[in-house]
Amino acid sequence: METGLCSCSNSESTTLSNCYRNYFHMLGTGYSDYFEKIDDYLYYTSGVDTVCSYYGALQKCLGDTVIGDCINSNGFYQTFGGRNNNDMTANYFEFQFLCGKGKNAYKNQLSCLDKLYPDCPTNIDTCSKAKTDINCYANAAKKSCGQDGYYFMYNQLSIRWCHSNLHCDTCTNGTEAIGFSFITIFVSVILLYIF
């Protein structure tokens, strides 16, 4: 579980900066408009393959040590300043899931999930409500999109919550993919309301 308290050395911070700059360049974006650009890619299944290819290059560039020491809110703060640190951390782990175990489920259910507008709470404001509310979204995805929809939605929202709310212990509450890692148009819209 990412704690946000890891130590990122100056040389590791430089590596983090250089690797993300290359990653942003491949995506045709920068730090400030990264999330908007990602949504454009992930609206299409072919865009998922492109982003996952770029994400793989990012992981290779970073290496295990930098990932372990710097992919956390403090590492992003040290490297890029005070903007979007938890979101960037969550996004890294979301992509780890999206480009790994979640990729087929996402691609198989993209058109269904994109039309999903569940009647679930839109303001998860406490750690204790998070699991119940995430289950509401995941169960709605299962009802409309089947098991792949549930699998993707549950894990994606759990990862987002875990790495965006470091004060909660949701990373150890039974989510299958915690420690793995994305933002799609439908998840982005839901997350804007939830978080």
Protein backbone atom coordinates (compact mmCIF):
# COMPACT_ATOMS: atom_id res chain seq x y z
CA MET A 1 0.00 0.00 0.00
CA GLU A 2 1.28 3.44 -0.91
CA THR A 3 1.61 5.50 2.24
CA GLY A 4 2.54 8.91 0.93
CA LEU A 5 5.43 8.98 3.41
CA CYS A 6 8.11 7.32 1.28
CA SER A 7 11.45 9.00 0.66
CA CYS A 8 12.25 10.05 -2.89
CA SER A 9 15.91 11.09 -3.28
CA ASN A 10 16.90 14.05 -5.45
CA SER A 11 18.26 11.77 -8.17
CA GLU A 12 15.08 9.67 -8.07
CA SER A 13 13.01 12.85 -8.28
CA THR A 14 14.97 13.83 -11.39
CA THR A 15 14.28 10.41 -12.90
CA LEU A 16 10.57 10.76 -12.02
CA SER A 17 10.48 14.18 -13.69
CA ASN A 18 12.31 13.05 -16.84
CA CYS A 19 10.23 9.89 -17.24
CA TYR A 20 6.93 11.74 -16.79
CA ARG A 21 8.01 14.48 -19.19
CA ASN A 22 8.70 11.78 -21.81
CA TYR A 23 5.36 10.13 -21.01
CA PHE A 24 3.51 13.45 -21.31
CA HIS A 25 5.30 14.13 -24.60
CA MET A 26 4.18 10.74 -26.00
CA LEU A 27 0.60 11.61 -25.01
CA GLY A 28 0.88 15.12 -26.46
CA THR A 29 0.11 16.76 -23.13
CA GLY A 30 1.67 18.30 -20.04
CA TYR A 31 1.26 18.00 -16.31
CA SER A 32 -1.51 20.61 -16.10
CA ASP A 33 -3.83 19.15 -18.78
CA TYR A 34 -2.89 15.48 -18.43
CA PHE A 35 -6.24 14.24 -17.10
CA GLU A 36 -8.25 15.88 -19.86
CA LYS A 37 -5.98 14.36 -22.53
CA ILE A 38 -6.18 10.88 -20.97
CA ASP A 39 -9.97 10.98 -21.20
CA ASP A 40 -9.68 11.53 -24.96
CA TYR A 41 -7.57 8.40 -25.35
CA LEU A 42 -9.62 6.16 -23.12
CA TYR A 43 -12.93 6.82 -24.80
CA TYR A 44 -11.95 4.29 -27.48
CA THR A 45 -10.61 0.77 -27.03
CA SER A 46 -7.76 1.51 -29.44
CA GLY A 47 -6.79 4.43 -27.22
CA VAL A 48 -6.48 2.06 -24.27
CA ASP A 49 -3.84 0.09 -26.15
CA THR A 50 -1.97 3.31 -26.97
CA VAL A 51 -2.06 4.60 -23.40
CA CYS A 52 -1.02 1.21 -22.03
CA SER A 53 1.92 1.14 -24.41
CA TYR A 54 3.01 4.59 -23.19
CA TYR A 55 2.39 3.56 -19.58
CA GLY A 56 4.61 0.51 -20.09
CA ALA A 57 7.38 2.81 -21.36
CA LEU A 58 6.87 5.01 -18.28
CA GLN A 59 7.21 2.02 -15.95
CA LYS A 60 10.35 0.84 -17.71
CA CYS A 61 11.86 4.34 -17.54
CA LEU A 62 11.07 4.71 -13.83
CA GLY A 63 12.28 1.30 -12.69
CA ASP A 64 11.28 -0.51 -9.52
CA THR A 65 13.29 1.67 -7.11
CA VAL A 66 11.84 4.98 -8.29
CA ILE A 67 8.36 3.45 -8.41
CA GLY A 68 8.75 2.21 -4.83
CA ASP A 69 10.26 5.43 -3.49
CA CYS A 70 8.55 8.16 -5.51
CA ILE A 71 5.12 7.05 -6.73
CA ASN A 72 3.33 8.62 -3.78
CA SER A 73 1.97 12.05 -2.93
CA ASN A 74 5.26 13.23 -1.41
CA GLY A 75 7.27 12.09 -4.43
CA PHE A 76 4.96 13.92 -6.82
CA TYR A 77 4.97 17.01 -4.57
CA GLN A 78 8.77 17.03 -4.40
CA THR A 79 9.03 16.65 -8.17
CA PHE A 80 6.14 18.68 -9.57
CA GLY A 81 4.95 20.96 -6.78
CA GLY A 82 1.66 21.02 -4.92
CA ARG A 83 -0.84 20.20 -7.67
CA ASN A 84 -2.69 16.91 -8.15
CA ASN A 85 -0.25 14.83 -6.09
CA ASN A 86 -2.79 12.30 -4.80
CA ASP A 87 -4.52 12.21 -8.19
CA MET A 88 -1.25 11.48 -9.99
CA THR A 89 -0.46 8.74 -7.49
CA ALA A 90 -3.92 7.21 -7.87
CA ASN A 91 -3.67 7.49 -11.65
CA TYR A 92 -0.40 5.55 -11.70
CA PHE A 93 -1.97 2.66 -9.79
CA GLU A 94 -5.21 2.87 -11.76
CA PHE A 95 -3.22 2.40 -14.96
CA GLN A 96 -1.36 -0.50 -13.41
CA PHE A 97 -4.76 -2.17 -13.08
CA LEU A 98 -6.21 -0.89 -16.37
CA CYS A 99 -3.20 -1.99 -18.39
CA GLY A 100 -2.93 -5.30 -16.57
CA LYS A 101 -5.70 -7.35 -14.98
CA GLY A 102 -8.46 -4.86 -15.83
CA LYS A 103 -7.69 -4.30 -19.51
CA ASN A 104 -9.91 -6.98 -21.04
CA ALA A 105 -12.83 -6.20 -18.73
CA TYR A 106 -12.60 -2.50 -19.61
CA LYS A 107 -12.32 -3.06 -23.33
CA ASN A 108 -15.14 -5.63 -23.33
CA GLN A 109 -17.49 -3.34 -21.41
CA LEU A 110 -16.49 0.18 -22.48
CA SER A 111 -19.67 0.89 -24.44
CA CYS A 112 -21.86 -0.38 -21.60
CA LEU A 113 -19.95 1.35 -18.81
CA ASP A 114 -19.93 4.62 -20.74
CA LYS A 115 -23.76 4.62 -20.55
CA LEU A 116 -23.90 3.72 -16.86
CA TYR A 117 -25.58 6.31 -14.64
CA PRO A 118 -26.32 4.49 -11.39
CA ASP A 119 -28.51 5.84 -8.63
CA CYS A 120 -25.71 5.83 -6.06
CA PRO A 121 -24.35 8.43 -3.65
CA THR A 122 -22.25 11.05 -5.36
CA ASN A 123 -20.45 12.45 -2.35
CA ILE A 124 -18.39 9.82 -0.57
CA ASP A 125 -17.15 11.96 2.28
CA THR A 126 -16.02 9.47 4.90
CA CYS A 127 -13.86 6.38 4.97
CA SER A 128 -16.66 4.29 6.45
CA LYS A 129 -19.05 5.16 3.59
CA ALA A 130 -16.53 4.46 0.86
CA LYS A 131 -16.87 0.68 0.69
CA THR A 132 -20.69 0.78 0.70
CA ASP A 133 -20.79 3.46 -1.96
CA ILE A 134 -18.16 1.75 -4.14
CA ASN A 135 -20.22 -1.45 -3.91
CA CYS A 136 -23.30 0.48 -5.07
CA TYR A 137 -21.50 1.59 -8.25
CA ALA A 138 -19.96 -1.84 -8.81
CA ASN A 139 -23.30 -3.63 -8.36
CA ALA A 140 -24.95 -1.19 -10.79
CA ALA A 141 -22.19 -1.99 -13.28
CA LYS A 142 -22.78 -5.71 -12.76
CA LYS A 143 -26.52 -5.36 -13.30
CA SER A 144 -26.06 -3.40 -16.54
CA CYS A 145 -22.77 -4.77 -17.86
CA GLY A 146 -22.21 -8.15 -16.23
CA GLN A 147 -19.32 -9.53 -14.20
CA ASP A 148 -16.65 -7.73 -16.25
CA GLY A 149 -18.39 -4.42 -15.53
CA TYR A 150 -18.49 -5.20 -11.80
CA TYR A 151 -14.86 -6.34 -11.74
CA PHE A 152 -13.61 -3.23 -13.48
CA MET A 153 -15.77 -0.71 -11.62
CA TYR A 154 -15.15 -2.16 -8.15
CA ASN A 155 -11.40 -2.34 -8.57
CA GLN A 156 -11.04 0.99 -10.34
CA LEU A 157 -13.03 2.94 -7.76
CA SER A 158 -11.32 1.12 -4.89
CA ILE A 159 -7.91 2.00 -6.28
CA ARG A 160 -8.92 5.63 -6.78
CA TRP A 161 -10.30 5.89 -3.24
CA CYS A 162 -7.33 4.10 -1.68
CA HIS A 163 -4.68 6.32 -3.24
CA SER A 164 -6.65 9.57 -2.99
CA ASN A 165 -7.53 9.17 0.70
CA LEU A 166 -4.39 8.09 2.49
CA HIS A 167 -6.00 8.51 5.91
CA CYS A 168 -8.38 5.60 5.20
CA ASP A 169 -7.54 1.92 5.38
CA THR A 170 -9.53 1.03 2.26
CA CYS A 171 -6.42 -0.39 0.59
CA THR A 172 -6.68 -3.46 2.78
CA ASN A 173 -10.45 -3.97 2.86
CA GLY A 174 -10.69 -6.86 0.43
CA THR A 175 -10.29 -5.17 -2.92
CA GLU A 176 -8.75 -7.62 -5.32
CA ALA A 177 -6.67 -5.13 -7.24
CA ILE A 178 -5.30 -2.74 -4.63
CA GLY A 179 -1.67 -2.20 -5.37
CA PHE A 180 -2.48 -2.28 -9.08
CA SER A 181 -3.77 0.53 -11.00
CA PHE A 182 -7.11 4.86 -14.53
CA ILE A 183 -9.49 7.47 -15.51
CA THR A 184 -12.10 6.93 -18.20
CA ILE A 185 -14.77 9.36 -19.20
CA PHE A 186 -17.44 7.55 -17.21
CA VAL A 187 -15.19 6.99 -14.19
CA SER A 188 -13.98 10.58 -14.39
CA VAL A 189 -17.53 11.86 -14.37
CA ILE A 190 -18.46 9.60 -11.46
CA LEU A 191 -15.30 10.49 -9.57
CA LEU A 192 -15.91 14.21 -10.00
CA TYR A 193 -19.15 13.72 -8.12
CA ILE A 194 -17.79 11.26 -5.55
CA PHE A 195 -14.56 12.97 -4.63
